[in-house]
Amino acid sequence: MTDRPTDSPGAPAPILYAHRHLLGIEGLSVPEITSLLDLADSYVEQNRQADKKRSLLRGRTVINLFFENSTRTRTSFELAGKRLGADVINMSVTTSSIKKGETLIDTAMTLNAMHPDVLVVRHPDSGAVNLLSQKVDGAVINAGDGSHEHPTQALLDALTIRRRRGRLAGLLVAICGDLLHSRVARSNIHLLTTMGARVRVIAPPTLMPGAIERMGVEAFTDMRQGLQGCDIVMMLRLQTERMQGSFVPSIREYFRFYGLDYDKLGAAKPDALIMHPGPMNRGAEIDSEVADDIDRSVIREQVEMGVAVRMACLDALTRQSTSNSPLGAS
């Protein structure tokens, strides 16, 4: 991947991403993932300059369509679009006011009539973003659909790791917590295994998906055993809003066995990095002292990488929409 193109005339550097949409990580190749990470890497440097804004997407329209609340992800996409010079519109739709199927399609058709270049969509139902992508002319980015995928989160996590460790291949990564309801875990498993990392998943039996080993991971129900020798410890948020019934006896019991503290972290490598997609439930998923460890916690870096990754995705997909070459599969 060559340097990030500027606003000056000339052909842009090539991006090895030939898809119309970004609906998930599953199915992406090593060159495609690497290309997006390389482009995002250049945007990290741009975002650290005094003049952060570019006119790359001047005249383009990005609509953030969120059927679920997410201040962090929506703000990150909004900032990414504006830093590239796009017109950004935020639309929040409460889940109580919509129905599945026809209403979602009606929404898609209405928005399509406005000719947006990119729709960034978050929806509580798995597959809803894919359905919407079939009904619009512009590019669609999945900002999280049900328990299915959250591709930009996995990309920003990968960029954070790569900038700290210089690689993804060969690293031992533990993903810990509410795996059953986590789209973040699924996207990260797809990305990390594709890029040559070894992945372990750690959860109580009630929050461990059945046959998860088929995704190419090692499964553990004992935290210390699973963390043994790990390079990266990635904690997950307890998705209480998706839980129907009781999955853990209590928050106190959950933290005792599966919350990350220095005692459990001692099983990992001494320099193991600590990650969390946020928002954190301190004292439930992670101890405050561990979360704020300035030497090992990269949680705040993940937030910074999120803006750069979303800039890269908007850049890549809007280039596809103007390309003369045939579009790849979505």
Protein backbone atom coordinates (compact mmCIF):
# COMPACT_ATOMS: atom_id res chain seq x y z
CA MET A 1 0.00 0.00 0.00
CA THR A 2 1.46 3.38 -0.99
CA ASP A 3 1.06 6.71 0.76
CA ARG A 4 -2.41 8.08 1.31
CA PRO A 5 -3.46 10.35 -1.59
CA THR A 6 -3.77 14.06 -0.86
CA ASP A 7 -6.23 16.54 -2.33
CA SER A 8 -3.78 17.31 -5.12
CA PRO A 9 -4.56 16.08 -8.68
CA GLY A 10 -3.46 12.64 -9.76
CA ALA A 11 -4.56 9.04 -9.58
CA PRO A 12 -5.27 7.84 -6.03
CA ALA A 13 -3.22 5.06 -4.53
CA PRO A 14 -4.87 1.70 -5.19
CA ILE A 15 -7.03 0.06 -2.56
CA LEU A 16 -7.30 -3.70 -2.76
CA TYR A 17 -10.94 -3.72 -1.70
CA ALA A 18 -13.31 -4.54 -4.56
CA HIS A 19 -16.63 -4.81 -2.72
CA ARG A 20 -19.57 -2.47 -3.01
CA HIS A 21 -20.46 -2.71 0.70
CA LEU A 22 -18.81 -3.56 4.02
CA LEU A 23 -21.30 -5.90 5.67
CA GLY A 24 -18.90 -8.10 7.60
CA ILE A 25 -15.35 -9.37 7.96
CA GLU A 26 -16.21 -12.96 7.09
CA GLY A 27 -15.07 -13.71 3.56
CA LEU A 28 -12.56 -10.87 3.27
CA SER A 29 -9.06 -11.81 2.16
CA VAL A 30 -5.73 -11.00 3.76
CA PRO A 31 -4.87 -8.40 1.05
CA GLU A 32 -8.28 -6.72 1.45
CA ILE A 33 -7.98 -6.44 5.23
CA THR A 34 -4.37 -5.31 4.99
CA SER A 35 -5.28 -2.67 2.43
CA LEU A 36 -7.95 -1.16 4.69
CA LEU A 37 -5.58 -1.22 7.69
CA ASP A 38 -2.79 0.43 5.70
CA LEU A 39 -5.12 3.20 4.53
CA ALA A 40 -6.42 3.69 8.08
CA ASP A 41 -2.84 3.89 9.33
CA SER A 42 -2.23 6.92 7.14
CA TYR A 43 -5.39 8.58 8.48
CA VAL A 44 -4.09 8.19 12.04
CA GLU A 45 -1.25 10.54 11.14
CA GLN A 46 -3.61 12.96 9.41
CA ASN A 47 -5.85 13.09 12.48
CA ARG A 48 -2.90 14.07 14.66
CA GLN A 49 -2.17 17.16 12.56
CA ALA A 50 -3.53 20.62 13.34
CA ASP A 51 -5.46 20.67 10.05
CA LYS A 52 -7.43 17.42 10.17
CA LYS A 53 -9.89 18.11 7.36
CA ARG A 54 -9.64 17.01 3.73
CA SER A 55 -11.96 17.57 0.78
CA LEU A 56 -11.78 14.01 -0.54
CA LEU A 57 -15.55 13.45 -0.13
CA ARG A 58 -16.69 16.98 -0.97
CA GLY A 59 -20.16 16.76 -2.50
CA ARG A 60 -20.75 13.25 -1.12
CA THR A 61 -23.52 12.46 1.36
CA VAL A 62 -23.16 10.02 4.26
CA ILE A 63 -26.25 9.07 6.26
CA ASN A 64 -25.82 7.47 9.68
CA LEU A 65 -29.00 5.40 10.16
CA PHE A 66 -29.05 4.01 13.68
CA PHE A 67 -31.94 1.81 14.81
CA GLU A 68 -29.95 1.22 18.03
CA ASN A 69 -28.31 3.82 20.22
CA SER A 70 -24.53 4.01 20.11
CA THR A 71 -22.99 7.37 20.87
CA ARG A 72 -19.44 6.11 20.41
CA THR A 73 -19.86 4.46 17.00
CA ARG A 74 -22.19 7.11 15.56
CA THR A 75 -19.94 9.98 16.68
CA SER A 76 -16.91 8.20 15.25
CA PHE A 77 -18.57 7.78 11.83
CA GLU A 78 -19.82 11.37 11.91
CA LEU A 79 -16.34 12.70 12.65
CA ALA A 80 -14.82 10.45 9.98
CA GLY A 81 -17.22 11.70 7.31
CA LYS A 82 -16.75 15.36 8.22
CA ARG A 83 -12.96 15.09 8.28
CA LEU A 84 -13.13 13.81 4.71
CA GLY A 85 -15.36 16.72 3.69
CA ALA A 86 -18.64 14.82 3.29
CA ASP A 87 -22.12 16.07 4.15
CA VAL A 88 -23.13 13.92 7.14
CA ILE A 89 -26.71 13.37 8.29
CA ASN A 90 -27.53 11.52 11.51
CA MET A 91 -30.84 9.66 11.72
CA SER A 92 -31.81 7.91 14.95
CA VAL A 93 -34.80 5.59 14.73
CA THR A 94 -36.19 4.17 17.96
CA THR A 95 -36.77 0.44 17.79
CA SER A 96 -40.29 0.85 19.14
CA SER A 97 -41.34 2.86 16.09
CA ILE A 98 -40.30 0.38 13.40
CA LYS A 99 -41.27 -3.09 12.32
CA LYS A 100 -39.24 -5.72 10.54
CA GLY A 101 -39.52 -6.48 6.84
CA GLU A 102 -41.66 -4.07 4.85
CA THR A 103 -41.06 -1.04 7.08
CA LEU A 104 -37.29 -1.47 6.83
CA ILE A 105 -37.56 -1.75 3.06
CA ASP A 106 -39.77 1.33 2.94
CA THR A 107 -37.14 3.20 4.93
CA ALA A 108 -34.46 2.03 2.50
CA MET A 109 -36.47 3.13 -0.54
CA THR A 110 -37.16 6.54 0.98
CA LEU A 111 -33.50 7.12 1.73
CA ASN A 112 -32.49 5.79 -1.68
CA ALA A 113 -34.58 8.51 -3.30
CA MET A 114 -32.29 11.05 -1.59
CA HIS A 115 -29.29 9.55 -3.43
CA PRO A 116 -26.89 9.11 -0.50
CA ASP A 117 -23.41 7.87 -1.36
CA VAL A 118 -22.98 5.86 1.85
CA LEU A 119 -25.45 4.52 4.40
CA VAL A 120 -23.95 3.60 7.76
CA VAL A 121 -26.48 1.32 9.45
CA ARG A 122 -26.82 -0.13 12.94
CA HIS A 123 -29.76 -2.44 13.59
CA PRO A 124 -30.76 -4.77 16.46
CA ASP A 125 -31.61 -7.66 14.11
CA SER A 126 -28.95 -9.84 12.48
CA GLY A 127 -29.22 -9.66 8.70
CA ALA A 128 -31.20 -6.41 8.59
CA VAL A 129 -28.25 -4.42 7.21
CA ASN A 130 -27.71 -7.01 4.48
CA LEU A 131 -31.39 -6.76 3.51
CA LEU A 132 -31.20 -2.98 3.36
CA SER A 133 -28.05 -3.10 1.20
CA GLN A 134 -30.00 -4.98 -1.47
CA LYS A 135 -32.49 -2.13 -1.80
CA VAL A 136 -30.23 0.91 -2.18
CA ASP A 137 -27.91 2.19 -4.89
CA GLY A 138 -25.18 3.57 -2.62
CA ALA A 139 -22.64 1.78 -0.46
CA VAL A 140 -23.68 0.35 2.92
CA ILE A 141 -21.45 -0.04 5.97
CA ASN A 142 -22.57 -2.35 8.75
CA ALA A 143 -22.16 -0.50 12.06
CA GLY A 144 -23.42 -3.55 13.96
CA ASP A 145 -26.36 -5.85 13.28
CA GLY A 146 -27.79 -7.89 16.13
CA SER A 147 -25.34 -10.56 17.25
CA HIS A 148 -23.97 -10.99 13.73
CA GLU A 149 -21.03 -8.68 12.92
CA HIS A 150 -19.44 -5.31 13.65
CA PRO A 151 -16.71 -5.09 10.99
CA THR A 152 -15.29 -1.63 11.69
CA GLN A 153 -14.80 -2.54 15.37
CA ALA A 154 -12.70 -5.55 14.37
CA LEU A 155 -10.68 -3.40 11.96
CA LEU A 156 -9.97 -0.76 14.60
CA ASP A 157 -9.00 -3.45 17.10
CA ALA A 158 -6.65 -4.98 14.52
CA LEU A 159 -5.11 -1.59 13.73
CA THR A 160 -4.55 -0.94 17.45
CA ILE A 161 -2.79 -4.28 17.86
CA ARG A 162 -0.74 -3.92 14.68
CA ARG A 163 0.54 -0.46 15.62
CA ARG A 164 1.59 -1.72 19.07
CA ARG A 165 2.95 -5.13 18.08
CA GLY A 166 3.89 -4.59 14.44
CA ARG A 167 1.93 -7.64 13.28
CA LEU A 168 -1.13 -9.80 13.78
CA ALA A 169 0.19 -13.14 12.55
CA GLY A 170 1.47 -15.41 15.29
CA LEU A 171 -0.04 -13.48 18.19
CA LEU A 172 -2.13 -15.29 20.80
CA VAL A 173 -5.33 -13.33 21.45
CA ALA A 174 -7.90 -14.09 24.17
CA ILE A 175 -11.45 -12.79 23.72
CA CYS A 176 -13.25 -12.91 27.05
CA GLY A 177 -16.80 -12.42 28.27
CA ASP A 178 -20.25 -12.42 26.72
CA LEU A 179 -19.43 -14.30 23.53
CA LEU A 180 -22.99 -15.50 23.00
CA HIS A 181 -24.39 -12.05 22.22
CA SER A 182 -21.27 -10.36 20.86
CA ARG A 183 -21.02 -9.23 17.23
CA VAL A 184 -17.64 -7.71 18.17
CA ALA A 185 -16.31 -11.17 19.06
CA ARG A 186 -17.52 -12.71 15.80
CA SER A 187 -15.95 -10.03 13.62
CA ASN A 188 -12.70 -10.19 15.58
CA ILE A 189 -12.53 -13.97 15.32
CA HIS A 190 -12.98 -13.80 11.54
CA LEU A 191 -10.34 -11.09 11.15
CA LEU A 192 -7.73 -12.42 13.54
CA THR A 193 -7.85 -16.01 12.30
CA THR A 194 -7.72 -14.80 8.68
CA MET A 195 -4.64 -12.72 9.48
CA GLY A 196 -2.83 -15.63 11.12
CA ALA A 197 -3.37 -14.97 14.82
CA ARG A 198 -4.31 -17.72 17.28
CA VAL A 199 -7.56 -16.99 19.08
CA ARG A 200 -8.86 -18.27 22.39
CA VAL A 201 -12.34 -17.51 23.67
CA ILE A 202 -13.16 -17.48 27.39
CA ALA A 203 -16.67 -17.36 28.84
CA PRO A 204 -18.96 -19.01 31.36
CA PRO A 205 -20.81 -21.98 29.86
CA THR A 206 -24.06 -19.97 29.73
CA LEU A 207 -22.40 -17.33 27.51
CA MET A 208 -20.38 -19.67 25.30
CA PRO A 209 -21.88 -20.25 21.83
CA GLY A 210 -22.34 -23.88 20.86
CA ALA A 211 -19.68 -25.39 18.59
CA ILE A 212 -17.68 -22.15 18.55
CA GLU A 213 -14.54 -24.22 17.91
CA ARG A 214 -15.74 -24.51 14.30
CA MET A 215 -14.67 -20.88 13.89
CA GLY A 216 -11.07 -21.96 14.42
CA VAL A 217 -10.71 -20.94 18.07
CA GLU A 218 -9.86 -22.69 21.34
CA ALA A 219 -12.63 -22.43 23.96
CA PHE A 220 -12.08 -22.13 27.71
CA THR A 221 -14.42 -21.68 30.66
CA ASP A 222 -11.58 -21.05 33.13
CA MET A 223 -10.20 -17.52 32.91
CA ARG A 224 -6.67 -18.17 34.16
CA GLN A 225 -6.25 -21.25 32.00
CA GLY A 226 -7.45 -19.40 28.91
CA LEU A 227 -5.22 -16.39 29.52
CA GLN A 228 -2.06 -18.47 29.91
CA GLY A 229 0.67 -16.98 27.72
CA CYS A 230 -1.60 -14.59 25.80
CA ASP A 231 -0.26 -11.52 23.99
CA ILE A 232 -3.61 -9.69 23.86
CA VAL A 233 -6.53 -9.76 26.31
CA MET A 234 -9.72 -8.47 24.70
CA MET A 235 -12.61 -8.05 27.13
CA LEU A 236 -16.25 -7.87 26.01
CA ARG A 237 -19.19 -5.91 27.35
CA LEU A 238 -21.99 -7.82 29.05
CA GLN A 239 -24.86 -7.43 26.57
CA THR A 240 -27.60 -7.29 29.17
CA GLU A 241 -30.03 -5.69 26.70
CA ARG A 242 -29.89 -8.87 24.57
CA MET A 243 -30.26 -11.30 27.44
CA GLN A 244 -33.63 -12.97 27.81
CA GLY A 245 -33.51 -14.58 31.23
CA SER A 246 -30.58 -15.05 33.59
CA PHE A 247 -27.16 -15.86 32.14
CA VAL A 248 -25.04 -14.96 35.18
CA PRO A 249 -25.90 -15.36 38.90
CA SER A 250 -24.95 -11.75 39.66
CA ILE A 251 -22.53 -9.07 38.51
CA ARG A 252 -20.49 -9.70 41.63
CA GLU A 253 -20.16 -13.42 40.86
CA TYR A 254 -19.40 -12.71 37.20
CA PHE A 255 -16.56 -10.35 38.11
CA ARG A 256 -15.16 -12.84 40.58
CA PHE A 257 -14.69 -15.50 37.90
CA TYR A 258 -14.55 -13.58 34.60
CA GLY A 259 -13.79 -9.93 35.38
CA LEU A 260 -10.27 -8.90 34.43
CA ASP A 261 -8.11 -7.95 37.40
CA TYR A 262 -4.36 -8.14 37.96
CA ASP A 263 -4.65 -11.54 39.59
CA LYS A 264 -6.16 -13.15 36.48
CA LEU A 265 -4.03 -11.02 34.15
CA GLY A 266 -0.96 -12.56 35.76
CA ALA A 267 -1.52 -15.68 33.66
CA ALA A 268 -0.98 -13.72 30.44
CA LYS A 269 2.38 -12.47 29.18
CA PRO A 270 3.89 -9.67 31.31
CA ASP A 271 3.45 -7.18 28.47
CA ALA A 272 0.02 -8.39 27.32
CA LEU A 273 -2.15 -5.57 25.96
CA ILE A 274 -5.59 -4.95 27.46
CA MET A 275 -8.52 -4.09 25.18
CA HIS A 276 -12.24 -3.36 25.51
CA PRO A 277 -14.68 -2.17 22.79
CA GLY A 278 -16.55 0.06 25.25
CA PRO A 279 -18.51 1.24 26.94
CA MET A 280 -16.92 -0.48 29.93
CA ASN A 281 -18.79 -1.73 32.97
CA ARG A 282 -16.08 -1.18 35.56
CA GLY A 283 -16.21 -3.71 38.36
CA ALA A 284 -18.17 -6.11 36.16
CA GLU A 285 -16.03 -6.88 33.10
CA ILE A 286 -12.83 -5.15 34.13
CA ASP A 287 -11.21 -3.65 37.21
CA SER A 288 -10.67 0.12 37.02
CA GLU A 289 -7.00 -0.16 37.89
CA VAL A 290 -6.42 -2.55 34.99
CA ALA A 291 -8.51 -0.49 32.56
CA ASP A 292 -6.48 2.61 33.36
CA ASP A 293 -3.04 0.96 33.24
CA ILE A 294 -1.09 3.47 31.11
CA ASP A 295 1.49 0.88 30.05
CA ARG A 296 -0.79 -1.97 29.01
CA SER A 297 -4.30 -0.69 28.40
CA VAL A 298 -4.94 0.45 24.80
CA ILE A 299 -8.65 1.15 25.32
CA ARG A 300 -8.31 4.87 24.57
CA GLU A 301 -6.14 4.11 21.54
CA GLN A 302 -8.98 1.95 20.22
CA VAL A 303 -11.23 5.02 20.20
CA GLU A 304 -8.63 7.02 18.23
CA MET A 305 -8.13 4.16 15.76
CA GLY A 306 -11.91 4.00 15.27
CA VAL A 307 -12.06 7.38 13.55
CA ALA A 308 -9.13 6.51 11.24
CA VAL A 309 -10.60 3.11 10.31
CA ARG A 310 -14.00 4.62 9.53
CA MET A 311 -12.34 7.28 7.37
CA ALA A 312 -10.57 4.50 5.47
CA CYS A 313 -13.83 2.58 4.95
CA LEU A 314 -15.67 5.66 3.69
CA ASP A 315 -12.75 6.42 1.37
CA ALA A 316 -12.56 2.86 0.01
CA LEU A 317 -16.29 2.46 -0.62
CA THR A 318 -16.77 5.85 -2.27
CA ARG A 319 -13.87 5.06 -4.59
CA GLN A 320 -15.66 1.86 -5.56
CA SER A 321 -18.81 3.80 -6.45
CA THR A 322 -16.89 5.87 -9.00
CA SER A 323 -14.70 3.09 -10.35
CA ASN A 324 -15.10 2.04 -13.96
CA SER A 325 -14.18 -1.53 -13.12
CA PRO A 326 -16.91 -4.07 -12.24
CA LEU A 327 -17.81 -4.13 -8.56
CA GLY A 328 -17.05 -7.19 -6.54
CA ALA A 329 -19.49 -9.16 -4.45
CA SER A 330 -20.86 -7.49 -1.35
